[in-house]
Protein backbone atom coordinates (compact mmCIF):
# COMPACT_ATOMS: atom_id res chain seq x y z
CA LEU A 1 0.00 0.00 0.00
CA LEU A 2 2.84 2.37 0.88
CA ALA A 3 4.56 1.74 -2.47
CA ALA A 4 1.29 2.30 -4.34
CA PHE A 5 0.68 5.49 -2.39
CA ARG A 6 4.15 6.80 -3.26
CA ARG A 7 3.65 5.99 -6.97
CA MET A 8 0.43 8.03 -6.90
CA LEU A 9 2.00 11.01 -5.07
CA ARG A 10 4.92 11.44 -7.48
CA PRO A 11 2.79 12.53 -10.50
CA LEU A 12 0.58 14.63 -8.19
CA ALA A 13 3.67 16.47 -6.98
CA ARG A 14 4.73 17.08 -10.59
CA ILE A 15 1.28 18.44 -11.41
CA ARG A 16 1.42 20.71 -8.34
CA ASP A 17 4.88 22.00 -9.30
CA GLY A 18 3.73 22.66 -12.87
CA LEU A 19 0.70 24.61 -11.65
CA GLU A 20 2.86 26.69 -9.31
CA GLN A 21 5.33 27.53 -12.10
CA PHE A 22 2.50 28.47 -14.44
CA ALA A 23 0.89 30.66 -11.78
CA GLN A 24 4.22 32.42 -11.23
CA GLY A 25 4.43 33.41 -14.90
CA ASN A 26 6.24 30.54 -16.59
CA ARG A 27 3.82 30.07 -19.49
CA THR A 28 6.12 27.59 -21.23
CA VAL A 29 5.88 24.87 -18.56
CA ARG A 30 4.46 21.57 -19.82
CA LEU A 31 4.23 18.14 -18.15
CA GLU A 32 5.27 14.83 -19.68
CA PRO A 33 2.76 12.02 -18.97
CA ASP A 34 4.38 8.76 -17.84
CA THR A 35 1.29 6.79 -16.90
CA SER A 36 -1.92 5.80 -18.64
CA ASP A 37 -4.28 6.23 -15.71
CA GLU A 38 -6.49 9.16 -14.71
CA LEU A 39 -3.47 11.24 -13.68
CA SER A 40 -2.18 11.04 -17.24
CA ASP A 41 -5.49 12.45 -18.43
CA ILE A 42 -5.14 15.30 -15.94
CA ILE A 43 -1.64 16.05 -17.28
CA ARG A 44 -2.92 16.14 -20.85
CA VAL A 45 -5.74 18.51 -19.82
CA PHE A 46 -3.19 20.73 -18.02
CA ASN A 47 -0.92 20.90 -21.08
CA LYS A 48 -3.86 21.74 -23.35
CA MET A 49 -5.10 24.44 -20.94
CA ALA A 50 -1.60 25.94 -20.62
CA GLY A 51 -1.21 26.07 -24.40
CA GLU A 52 -4.57 27.77 -24.91
CA ILE A 53 -3.95 30.32 -22.14
CA ASP A 54 -0.48 31.05 -23.50
CA ALA A 55 -1.90 31.63 -26.99
CA LYS A 56 -4.62 33.93 -25.68
CA LEU A 57 -2.17 35.94 -23.58
CA TYR A 58 0.11 36.34 -26.60
CA SER A 59 -2.84 37.54 -28.68
CA LEU A 60 -3.89 40.01 -25.97
CA ARG A 61 -0.33 41.30 -25.65
CA LYS A 62 -0.02 41.87 -29.40
CA THR A 63 -3.45 43.55 -29.47
CA SER A 64 -2.40 45.84 -26.63
CA GLU A 65 0.91 46.69 -28.34
CA ASN A 66 -0.87 47.47 -31.59
CA TYR A 67 -3.45 49.61 -29.80
CA TYR A 68 -0.74 51.68 -28.15
CA ARG A 69 0.63 52.35 -31.62
CA PHE A 70 -2.65 54.05 -32.47
CA VAL A 71 -3.25 55.67 -29.08
CA PRO A 72 0.05 56.22 -27.22
CA GLN A 73 -0.02 56.23 -23.43
CA ARG A 74 0.82 59.94 -23.39
CA ALA A 75 -2.48 60.62 -25.16
CA PHE A 76 -4.53 59.43 -22.20
CA GLY A 77 -1.96 59.98 -19.46
CA LEU A 78 -3.07 63.63 -19.42
CA LEU A 79 -6.48 62.37 -18.32
CA SER A 80 -4.89 60.97 -15.12
CA GLN A 81 -5.82 57.44 -16.09
CA GLY A 82 -3.31 54.64 -15.68
CA ASP A 83 -5.00 52.11 -17.89
CA LEU A 84 -6.98 52.09 -21.11
CA GLY A 85 -9.77 50.20 -19.40
CA GLU A 86 -10.39 53.17 -17.11
CA LEU A 87 -11.22 55.51 -19.99
CA ALA A 88 -14.86 56.24 -20.70
CA LEU A 89 -16.92 58.51 -22.89
CA GLY A 90 -16.71 61.99 -21.40
CA SER A 91 -13.39 61.53 -19.61
CA GLY A 92 -11.55 64.79 -20.00
CA VAL A 93 -9.54 67.65 -18.60
CA SER A 94 -10.00 71.40 -19.14
CA GLY A 95 -7.65 74.32 -18.60
CA ARG A 96 -5.19 76.72 -20.20
CA PHE A 97 -2.59 74.77 -22.13
CA ASP A 98 0.22 75.57 -24.50
CA VAL A 99 -0.46 73.92 -27.85
CA VAL A 100 1.99 73.66 -30.73
CA CYS A 101 0.15 73.56 -34.06
CA VAL A 102 2.33 71.82 -36.64
CA SER A 103 1.91 71.57 -40.39
CA LEU A 104 4.25 69.99 -42.93
CA ALA A 105 4.47 71.27 -46.50
CA LEU A 106 5.59 68.91 -49.25
CA SER A 107 6.07 69.49 -52.94
CA ALA A 108 3.04 68.58 -55.02
CA HIS A 109 5.38 66.98 -57.56
CA LEU A 110 6.79 64.38 -55.16
CA PRO A 111 5.94 60.74 -55.94
CA GLN A 112 3.55 59.23 -53.42
CA GLU A 113 6.21 56.88 -52.09
CA ASP A 114 8.58 59.78 -51.37
CA ALA A 115 5.82 61.85 -49.78
CA GLU A 116 4.92 58.91 -47.52
CA ALA A 117 8.56 58.42 -46.52
CA LEU A 118 8.96 62.12 -45.66
CA THR A 119 5.72 62.11 -43.67
CA ASN A 120 6.92 59.10 -41.66
CA ARG A 121 10.30 60.73 -41.10
CA PHE A 122 8.68 63.89 -39.79
CA PHE A 123 6.30 61.94 -37.54
CA ALA A 124 9.29 60.10 -36.03
CA ILE A 125 10.90 63.45 -35.17
CA LEU A 126 7.73 64.76 -33.52
CA ASP A 127 7.15 61.54 -31.60
CA LYS A 128 10.73 61.49 -30.29
CA CYS A 129 10.64 65.13 -29.18
CA CYS A 130 7.24 64.68 -27.50
CA SER A 131 8.47 61.58 -25.66
CA GLU A 132 11.45 63.50 -24.32
CA SER A 133 9.40 66.54 -23.25
CA GLY A 134 6.23 64.86 -21.96
CA ALA A 135 3.93 66.46 -24.54
CA ALA A 136 1.08 64.53 -26.14
CA LEU A 137 1.19 64.13 -29.92
CA LEU A 138 -2.27 64.40 -31.50
CA GLN A 139 -2.45 63.92 -35.23
CA ASP A 140 -5.20 64.92 -37.61
CA ARG A 141 -7.32 61.85 -38.28
CA ILE A 142 -7.29 62.53 -42.02
CA ASN A 143 -4.19 64.58 -42.75
CA LEU A 144 -0.96 63.17 -41.28
CA ARG A 145 0.84 66.40 -42.12
CA SER A 146 -1.11 68.32 -39.50
CA TYR A 147 -0.52 67.80 -35.77
CA LYS A 148 -1.20 69.30 -32.36
CA LEU A 149 1.35 68.96 -29.56
CA LEU A 150 -0.49 69.37 -26.27
CA CYS A 151 1.93 70.56 -23.57
CA PRO A 152 1.06 69.97 -19.89
CA GLU A 153 2.08 72.56 -17.31
CA GLY A 154 5.85 72.55 -16.98
CA THR A 155 6.46 71.45 -20.55
CA GLY A 156 8.34 74.16 -22.44
CA ALA A 157 6.35 74.53 -25.65
CA VAL A 158 8.91 76.86 -27.27
CA ASP A 159 11.79 74.58 -26.26
CA LEU A 160 9.87 71.62 -27.71
CA ALA A 161 9.29 73.47 -30.99
CA LEU A 162 12.97 74.46 -31.22
CA ALA A 163 14.00 70.86 -30.54
CA VAL A 164 11.78 69.72 -33.43
CA LEU A 165 13.37 72.26 -35.77
CA THR A 166 16.86 71.22 -34.69
CA GLN A 167 16.04 67.61 -35.56
CA VAL A 168 14.52 68.71 -38.87
CA ASP A 169 17.65 70.67 -39.78
CA ALA A 170 19.83 67.66 -38.98
CA VAL A 171 17.76 65.52 -41.36
CA ASN A 172 17.64 68.19 -44.08
CA ALA A 173 21.41 68.59 -44.04
CA ALA A 174 21.85 65.02 -45.24
CA VAL A 175 19.22 64.83 -48.00
CA PRO A 176 18.66 66.45 -51.42
CA MET A 177 16.66 69.68 -51.67
CA GLN A 178 13.50 67.94 -52.94
CA ALA A 179 13.50 65.58 -49.95
CA ARG A 180 13.78 68.26 -47.27
CA LEU A 181 11.15 68.80 -44.60
CA ASP A 182 9.43 72.20 -44.50
CA PRO A 183 7.41 72.51 -41.27
CA LEU A 184 5.60 75.43 -39.69
CA LEU A 185 5.14 75.45 -35.91
CA ILE A 186 2.77 77.85 -34.12
CA VAL A 187 2.78 78.04 -30.32
CA HIS A 188 -0.44 79.31 -28.72
CA ARG A 189 -1.88 79.30 -25.21
CA CYS A 190 -5.61 79.13 -24.68
CA GLU A 191 -8.50 77.37 -22.97
CA VAL A 192 -8.53 73.74 -24.07
CA ARG A 193 -10.81 70.79 -23.49
CA TYR A 194 -8.99 67.47 -24.00
CA CYS A 195 -11.46 64.64 -23.73
CA ILE A 196 -12.73 61.29 -24.97
CA CYS A 197 -15.45 61.64 -27.59
CA GLY A 198 -17.24 59.11 -29.76
CA ASP A 199 -19.94 56.59 -28.95
CA ALA A 200 -20.42 53.22 -27.29
CA GLU A 201 -18.55 51.49 -30.11
CA ARG A 202 -15.54 53.79 -30.51
CA LEU A 203 -13.67 56.22 -28.27
CA VAL A 204 -11.50 58.97 -29.77
CA PRO A 205 -9.10 61.31 -27.91
CA THR A 206 -10.12 64.81 -29.01
CA LEU A 207 -8.79 68.34 -28.59
CA LEU A 208 -11.53 70.98 -28.42
CA ALA A 209 -10.37 74.60 -28.67
CA GLU A 210 -11.95 77.24 -30.89
CA GLU A 211 -8.84 79.40 -30.98
CA ILE A 212 -6.71 76.45 -32.09
CA ASP A 213 -9.21 75.70 -34.86
CA TRP A 214 -9.09 79.36 -35.91
CA LEU A 215 -5.29 79.35 -36.07
CA THR A 216 -5.15 76.02 -37.87
CA ALA A 217 -7.46 77.33 -40.58
CA ARG A 218 -5.00 80.19 -41.17
CA GLN A 219 -1.75 78.24 -41.15
CA GLU A 220 -1.10 78.92 -44.82
CA ALA A 221 -1.50 82.67 -44.28
CA ILE A 222 0.96 82.50 -41.38
CA ARG A 223 3.33 80.41 -43.48
CA GLY A 224 3.43 83.33 -45.92
CA LEU A 225 5.36 85.29 -43.29
CA SER A 226 8.23 82.83 -43.90
CA SER A 227 8.85 82.17 -40.20
CA ARG A 228 9.28 78.55 -39.19
CA LEU A 229 8.37 79.10 -35.54
CA VAL A 230 5.64 81.61 -34.68
CA VAL A 231 4.59 82.32 -31.09
CA THR A 232 1.32 84.14 -30.47
CA ALA A 233 1.10 86.99 -27.98
CA ALA A 234 -0.94 84.77 -25.63
CA ALA A 235 1.87 82.21 -25.43
CA TYR A 236 4.56 84.91 -25.48
CA ALA A 237 3.16 86.43 -22.28
CA GLY A 238 3.77 83.20 -20.38
CA ILE A 239 7.42 82.57 -21.28
CA GLU A 240 10.75 84.11 -20.36
CA ALA A 241 11.19 85.73 -23.77
CA SER A 242 14.68 87.04 -23.01
CA ARG A 243 15.97 83.47 -23.26
CA TYR A 244 15.19 83.33 -26.98
CA PHE A 245 16.06 85.14 -30.19
CA HIS A 246 12.78 86.64 -31.34
CA ARG A 247 11.10 89.65 -32.95
CA PHE A 248 7.58 90.96 -33.37
CA ILE A 249 6.28 90.33 -36.91
CA GLY A 250 2.78 91.78 -36.86
CA THR A 251 -0.75 90.69 -36.14
CA LEU A 252 -3.08 88.15 -37.64
CA ASN A 253 -6.40 89.76 -38.52
CA ASP A 254 -9.86 88.28 -38.70
CA SER A 255 -10.85 88.65 -42.35
CA GLY A 256 -14.51 88.86 -41.38
CA THR A 257 -14.20 91.77 -38.94
CA ASN A 258 -10.68 92.94 -39.84
CA ALA A 259 -9.99 92.93 -36.10
CA GLU A 260 -6.48 92.24 -34.85
CA VAL A 261 -6.79 88.86 -33.15
CA PHE A 262 -3.30 87.55 -32.43
CA GLY A 263 0.04 89.29 -32.19
CA LEU A 264 2.78 87.14 -33.72
CA TYR A 265 6.46 86.73 -32.84
CA ASP A 266 9.13 85.13 -34.99
CA PHE A 267 11.42 82.88 -32.89
CA TYR A 268 14.46 82.46 -35.12
CA GLY A 269 16.85 80.75 -32.71
CA SER A 270 16.83 77.50 -34.70
CA GLY A 271 18.76 79.12 -37.56
CA THR A 272 22.51 79.02 -38.07
CA SER A 273 24.74 81.29 -35.99
CA GLU A 274 25.28 83.48 -39.06
CA GLU A 275 21.53 83.82 -39.70
CA ILE A 276 20.92 84.69 -36.05
CA ARG A 277 23.71 87.29 -36.13
CA LEU A 278 22.41 89.00 -39.28
CA ILE A 279 18.83 89.16 -38.01
CA GLY A 280 20.04 90.52 -34.69
CA GLU A 281 22.09 93.25 -36.34
CA GLY A 282 19.11 94.35 -38.42
CA LEU A 283 16.60 94.08 -35.56
CA PRO A 284 16.44 97.83 -34.65
CA THR A 285 15.71 98.73 -38.27
CA PHE A 286 13.22 95.87 -38.59
CA ASP A 287 11.39 96.92 -35.40
CA LYS A 288 11.14 100.53 -36.65
CA ALA A 289 9.82 99.26 -39.98
CA MET A 290 7.16 97.22 -38.17
CA GLU A 291 6.17 100.34 -36.22
CA LEU A 292 5.76 102.31 -39.45
CA TYR A 293 3.84 99.43 -41.02
CA GLY A 294 1.43 99.40 -38.06
CA ALA A 295 0.96 103.15 -38.56
CA ARG A 296 0.10 102.50 -42.25
CA ARG A 297 3.09 104.49 -43.47
CA TRP A 298 3.65 102.01 -46.28
CA TYR A 299 6.28 103.93 -48.22
CA ASP A 300 8.55 104.59 -45.23
CA ALA A 301 8.07 101.04 -43.94
CA LYS A 302 8.94 99.59 -47.34
CA ASN A 303 12.21 101.54 -47.47
CA LEU A 304 13.28 100.27 -44.06
CA PHE A 305 12.30 96.67 -44.82
CA ALA A 306 14.27 96.97 -48.06
CA LEU A 307 17.25 98.18 -46.06
CA VAL A 308 17.01 95.14 -43.78
CA LEU A 309 16.76 92.89 -46.83
CA ARG A 310 19.76 94.50 -48.46
CA GLU A 311 21.91 93.77 -45.41
CA ASN A 312 20.46 90.25 -45.05
CA PRO A 313 19.10 88.88 -48.36
CA ARG A 314 17.95 85.71 -46.59
CA ASP A 315 15.54 87.54 -44.28
CA ASN A 316 12.33 86.25 -45.81
CA VAL A 317 10.11 88.00 -43.25
CA ALA A 318 11.49 91.37 -44.38
CA ARG A 319 10.99 90.25 -47.99
CA TYR A 320 7.34 89.45 -47.24
CA TYR A 321 6.74 92.94 -45.86
CA VAL A 322 8.48 94.65 -48.79
CA PHE A 323 5.95 92.98 -51.11
CA SER A 324 3.10 93.70 -48.70
CA CYS A 325 3.97 97.41 -48.59
CA GLU A 326 4.17 97.54 -52.40
CA GLN A 327 0.67 96.10 -52.66
CA LYS A 328 -0.70 98.70 -50.27
CA LEU A 329 0.90 101.69 -51.98
CA PRO A 330 -1.38 103.62 -54.34
CA ALA A 331 -0.86 102.80 -58.01
């Protein structure tokens, strides 16, 4: 009886050890049956169960990894939720945030494959810079050349934008002209509602801010100023501006009411040391020209902008205002 009892305990001990290993996370553990009695059937059931659980866990892990590719953790971390399962329709946070509106311009003559490669390259730069700064990268659901970088309190929006431009310049230096990235970044601070919208079947992280929508609709007009990094007066008021190379470049008007809505500043610190030096040397003349332009003294303003351009032919903002003054002068 004792020998029979011991023969029965040995496979039970193996089954117990296998269950303990599996419970501790070893999903590869399997048992080898060495008898043909009921215990052997239990071992076969255990091996089948372990295989099915392992396969389901692998599928869940891959599904989770793929989901995070579509909705990164930073996108819902701002909602103070630690897990996707905690999100629900209506989850959200409101407040004054710095938002970096980003748009990428590509040549219309680029082959689709090249345009896709450049778009992916630019996205990688934004994603890397957002990861390092703690900002949330929100892309347009239709146009992957338009993004919003939502910056929580303590995240330097201007520093983030300059870091993006530094990375862009590093990429552009190593590629042909037609493959270069041409982004525009606009930093603005306003009331924002970041929340989960959708329905019972689908939840979508959404940024709701009328001022951001207004600015986004006028990105091409702002791009005409030829500045790569524009900071609105609302964002400018909340930063230590003396840390950066910048200059006032006018106001963005509402075409419907012709009211001055946003003052704009050109932050040119991402340029080369020579470009920064030339702009700095011409800054007093440029500022006086902007003052005359605001006073509608088009002829005098044009002459000063032309003087700035003569000393620095690469100052495209001054070039823009020379043409603008010419258009406003009487025929």
